[in-house]
Amino acid sequence: MLAGVEITTWHLDQQAASDIRAATPPATPMTLTRVELPSPELNRYLYAGVGGDWFWLDRLSWSWQQWYDWLDRPGVETWLATVRGTPIGYVELDGHREGEVELAYFGLLPAFVGQGFGGHLLTVALQRAWSLAERWPQLQPVRRVWVHTCTLDGPAALKNYQARGMKLYRTETEEADLPAESPGAWPGANRPPRLGPA
């Protein structure tokens, strides 16, 4: 256990869809598909696979029912990024606050980091966040999209959010106790070799 690790958290938002600054699409086509049926198994796989190297710990102990109840709410959406039918990353949108959408979770599986997918995935994720109320007519129109990232996330995360037009509005620093090592995708998993598309 590492005690008293200093963690800086950055809070960013957008006030209008016109604030999005689109990234150049990657050379290899990527598809983003909405997962329309709640799937605890899929979301837990994505959460552990994307966040395993970055100390995403909060949901690892969730039961199947906790996952299902979270996903089966109006305004909560999972968007799955694939290349040639292979999952490469995802975004989870949380629109349960009136007029706001949080990018609750966002990222790529380790083998696909650094290949130009992240900026494009975030561009499309922000577009989907701003249009969320069109898919959930019981919700208020979206007035704000926000996210937070921290020093435990990937080193390119903050720059990517800012490059896509999100603006920093608050910074916080706190201490936390962490395991000596990040959990990885599953117990005993090694970081995979770079498996980019052919």
Protein backbone atom coordinates (compact mmCIF):
# COMPACT_ATOMS: atom_id res chain seq x y z
CA MET A 1 0.00 0.00 0.00
CA LEU A 2 1.24 3.48 -0.89
CA ALA A 3 0.09 5.97 1.73
CA GLY A 4 -0.45 9.67 1.16
CA VAL A 5 -0.07 9.72 -2.64
CA GLU A 6 -0.73 13.25 -3.92
CA ILE A 7 -3.36 13.28 -6.68
CA THR A 8 -4.30 16.32 -8.74
CA THR A 9 -7.78 16.34 -10.30
CA TRP A 10 -8.74 18.64 -13.16
CA HIS A 11 -12.41 19.47 -13.87
CA LEU A 12 -13.26 20.53 -17.43
CA ASP A 13 -16.44 21.36 -19.30
CA GLN A 14 -18.05 22.68 -22.47
CA GLN A 15 -20.98 25.07 -22.58
CA ALA A 16 -21.99 24.49 -26.21
CA ALA A 17 -21.65 21.81 -28.86
CA SER A 18 -19.99 24.41 -31.09
CA ASP A 19 -17.03 24.35 -28.67
CA ILE A 20 -15.98 20.90 -29.95
CA ARG A 21 -12.67 21.00 -31.84
CA ALA A 22 -12.62 17.85 -33.94
CA ALA A 23 -9.53 15.67 -34.13
CA THR A 24 -8.29 14.24 -37.39
CA PRO A 25 -9.84 10.78 -37.90
CA PRO A 26 -7.34 7.93 -37.57
CA ALA A 27 -5.90 6.28 -40.67
CA THR A 28 -7.62 3.04 -39.67
CA PRO A 29 -11.42 3.43 -39.60
CA MET A 30 -13.02 3.21 -36.17
CA THR A 31 -16.69 2.52 -35.46
CA LEU A 32 -18.55 3.83 -32.41
CA THR A 33 -21.74 1.91 -31.56
CA ARG A 34 -24.22 2.53 -28.78
CA VAL A 35 -24.69 -0.49 -26.50
CA GLU A 36 -28.48 -0.28 -26.19
CA LEU A 37 -29.07 -3.15 -23.75
CA PRO A 38 -27.57 -3.01 -20.24
CA SER A 39 -24.68 -5.47 -20.15
CA PRO A 40 -22.84 -5.68 -16.80
CA GLU A 41 -20.38 -8.20 -18.25
CA LEU A 42 -19.40 -5.90 -21.12
CA ASN A 43 -19.12 -2.78 -19.01
CA ARG A 44 -17.05 -4.50 -16.35
CA TYR A 45 -14.71 -5.86 -19.03
CA LEU A 46 -14.27 -2.36 -20.50
CA TYR A 47 -13.85 -0.74 -17.09
CA ALA A 48 -11.15 -3.22 -16.03
CA GLY A 49 -9.46 -3.37 -19.42
CA VAL A 50 -9.25 0.38 -19.97
CA GLY A 51 -8.72 1.43 -16.35
CA GLY A 52 -6.65 -1.45 -15.04
CA ASP A 53 -3.36 0.40 -15.55
CA TRP A 54 -4.74 3.65 -14.10
CA PHE A 55 -6.03 2.61 -10.67
CA TRP A 56 -9.71 2.57 -11.65
CA LEU A 57 -10.80 0.81 -8.47
CA ASP A 58 -14.23 2.17 -7.48
CA ARG A 59 -16.33 -0.33 -9.44
CA LEU A 60 -14.18 -3.46 -9.28
CA SER A 61 -16.13 -4.74 -6.27
CA TRP A 62 -19.57 -4.06 -7.78
CA SER A 63 -21.95 -6.98 -8.04
CA TRP A 64 -23.68 -7.89 -11.29
CA GLN A 65 -26.85 -6.25 -9.94
CA GLN A 66 -25.05 -3.01 -9.07
CA TRP A 67 -23.71 -2.81 -12.61
CA TYR A 68 -27.13 -3.54 -14.08
CA ASP A 69 -28.92 -0.98 -11.92
CA TRP A 70 -26.38 1.68 -12.85
CA LEU A 71 -26.62 0.99 -16.58
CA ASP A 72 -30.40 0.64 -16.67
CA ARG A 73 -31.11 4.33 -16.00
CA PRO A 74 -32.42 6.99 -18.38
CA GLY A 75 -29.55 9.02 -19.78
CA VAL A 76 -26.79 6.50 -19.06
CA GLU A 77 -25.20 5.26 -22.28
CA THR A 78 -22.22 3.12 -23.22
CA TRP A 79 -20.61 3.68 -26.61
CA LEU A 80 -18.25 0.96 -27.79
CA ALA A 81 -15.34 1.78 -30.11
CA THR A 82 -14.27 -1.01 -32.44
CA VAL A 83 -11.76 -1.53 -35.23
CA ARG A 84 -12.39 -4.44 -37.59
CA GLY A 85 -14.92 -5.78 -35.11
CA THR A 86 -12.48 -5.67 -32.18
CA PRO A 87 -13.26 -3.56 -29.08
CA ILE A 88 -10.58 -0.88 -28.65
CA GLY A 89 -12.18 1.45 -26.09
CA TYR A 90 -15.36 3.07 -24.87
CA VAL A 91 -17.11 6.04 -23.38
CA GLU A 92 -19.80 5.99 -20.71
CA LEU A 93 -22.15 8.99 -20.67
CA ASP A 94 -24.12 9.89 -17.55
CA GLY A 95 -26.97 12.31 -18.20
CA HIS A 96 -28.94 11.89 -14.98
CA ARG A 97 -28.28 15.49 -13.83
CA GLU A 98 -30.74 17.91 -15.38
CA GLY A 99 -29.28 19.55 -18.47
CA GLU A 100 -25.80 18.07 -17.92
CA VAL A 101 -23.90 15.10 -19.29
CA GLU A 102 -20.79 13.72 -17.65
CA LEU A 103 -18.19 11.75 -19.57
CA ALA A 104 -18.16 9.30 -16.69
CA TYR A 105 -15.58 6.95 -18.20
CA PHE A 106 -13.53 7.26 -21.37
CA GLY A 107 -10.49 5.50 -22.71
CA LEU A 108 -8.76 2.96 -24.89
CA LEU A 109 -7.57 -0.56 -24.21
CA PRO A 110 -3.77 -0.49 -23.70
CA ALA A 111 -2.88 -2.12 -27.02
CA PHE A 112 -4.54 0.73 -28.95
CA VAL A 113 -3.09 3.75 -27.13
CA GLY A 114 -0.88 6.06 -29.15
CA GLN A 115 -2.29 5.18 -32.58
CA GLY A 116 -4.45 8.24 -33.19
CA PHE A 117 -7.74 6.79 -31.92
CA GLY A 118 -8.10 8.82 -28.70
CA GLY A 119 -8.71 12.25 -30.19
CA HIS A 120 -11.25 10.96 -32.70
CA LEU A 121 -13.00 8.85 -30.06
CA LEU A 122 -13.30 11.90 -27.80
CA THR A 123 -14.60 14.05 -30.67
CA VAL A 124 -17.40 11.58 -31.41
CA ALA A 125 -18.06 11.01 -27.69
CA LEU A 126 -18.62 14.74 -27.17
CA GLN A 127 -20.97 14.85 -30.15
CA ARG A 128 -22.96 11.96 -28.64
CA ALA A 129 -23.01 13.69 -25.25
CA TRP A 130 -24.43 16.89 -26.71
CA SER A 131 -27.15 14.94 -28.57
CA LEU A 132 -28.09 12.72 -25.60
CA ALA A 133 -31.49 14.34 -24.98
CA GLU A 134 -32.50 13.53 -28.56
CA ARG A 135 -32.32 9.84 -27.59
CA TRP A 136 -33.96 10.37 -24.18
CA PRO A 137 -36.94 12.71 -24.74
CA GLN A 138 -37.83 12.63 -21.03
CA LEU A 139 -34.59 14.51 -20.28
CA GLN A 140 -33.92 18.24 -20.51
CA PRO A 141 -31.84 19.57 -23.42
CA VAL A 142 -28.12 19.40 -22.73
CA ARG A 143 -26.61 22.70 -21.62
CA ARG A 144 -23.25 21.44 -20.37
CA VAL A 145 -20.90 18.51 -20.86
CA TRP A 146 -18.21 17.89 -18.26
CA VAL A 147 -15.47 15.51 -17.21
CA HIS A 148 -12.77 15.16 -14.63
CA THR A 149 -9.37 13.57 -15.03
CA CYS A 150 -6.45 13.20 -12.67
CA THR A 151 -2.77 12.39 -12.38
CA LEU A 152 -3.67 8.69 -12.15
CA ASP A 153 -5.15 8.72 -15.67
CA GLY A 154 -3.21 8.33 -18.90
CA PRO A 155 -0.62 11.05 -19.47
CA ALA A 156 -2.37 12.31 -22.64
CA ALA A 157 -5.86 12.58 -21.07
CA LEU A 158 -5.80 16.24 -19.97
CA LYS A 159 -4.25 17.43 -23.24
CA ASN A 160 -6.81 15.48 -25.26
CA TYR A 161 -9.75 17.02 -23.38
CA GLN A 162 -8.34 20.51 -23.80
CA ALA A 163 -7.50 19.94 -27.47
CA ARG A 164 -11.13 18.96 -28.11
CA GLY A 165 -12.33 22.30 -26.71
CA MET A 166 -13.03 21.48 -23.06
CA LYS A 167 -12.07 24.24 -20.64
CA LEU A 168 -10.52 23.84 -17.21
CA TYR A 169 -12.68 25.33 -14.45
CA ARG A 170 -11.34 23.77 -11.24
CA THR A 171 -8.20 22.02 -10.00
CA GLU A 172 -7.97 20.09 -6.73
CA THR A 173 -5.12 18.30 -5.00
CA GLU A 174 -5.58 15.68 -2.29
CA GLU A 175 -3.81 12.72 -0.79
CA ALA A 176 -5.02 9.14 -1.10
CA ASP A 177 -3.84 5.66 -0.17
CA LEU A 178 -3.33 3.37 -3.16
CA PRO A 179 -2.26 -0.23 -3.73
CA ALA A 180 1.44 -0.56 -4.48
CA GLU A 181 0.57 -1.53 -8.07
CA SER A 182 -2.39 -0.86 -10.37
CA PRO A 183 -4.69 -3.90 -10.66
CA GLY A 184 -4.31 -4.47 -14.39
CA ALA A 185 -7.09 -5.87 -16.54
CA TRP A 186 -7.41 -9.00 -14.33
CA PRO A 187 -5.29 -10.69 -11.68
CA GLY A 188 -2.03 -11.89 -13.16
CA ALA A 189 -2.52 -10.12 -16.50
CA ASN A 190 0.55 -8.67 -18.11
CA ARG A 191 0.39 -5.59 -20.29
CA PRO A 192 -0.23 -7.02 -23.79
CA PRO A 193 2.07 -6.44 -26.75
CA ARG A 194 1.05 -3.62 -29.07
CA LEU A 195 -1.70 -5.18 -31.18
CA GLY A 196 -2.58 -2.39 -33.56
CA PRO A 197 -4.58 -3.11 -36.70
CA ALA A 198 -2.74 -4.43 -39.73
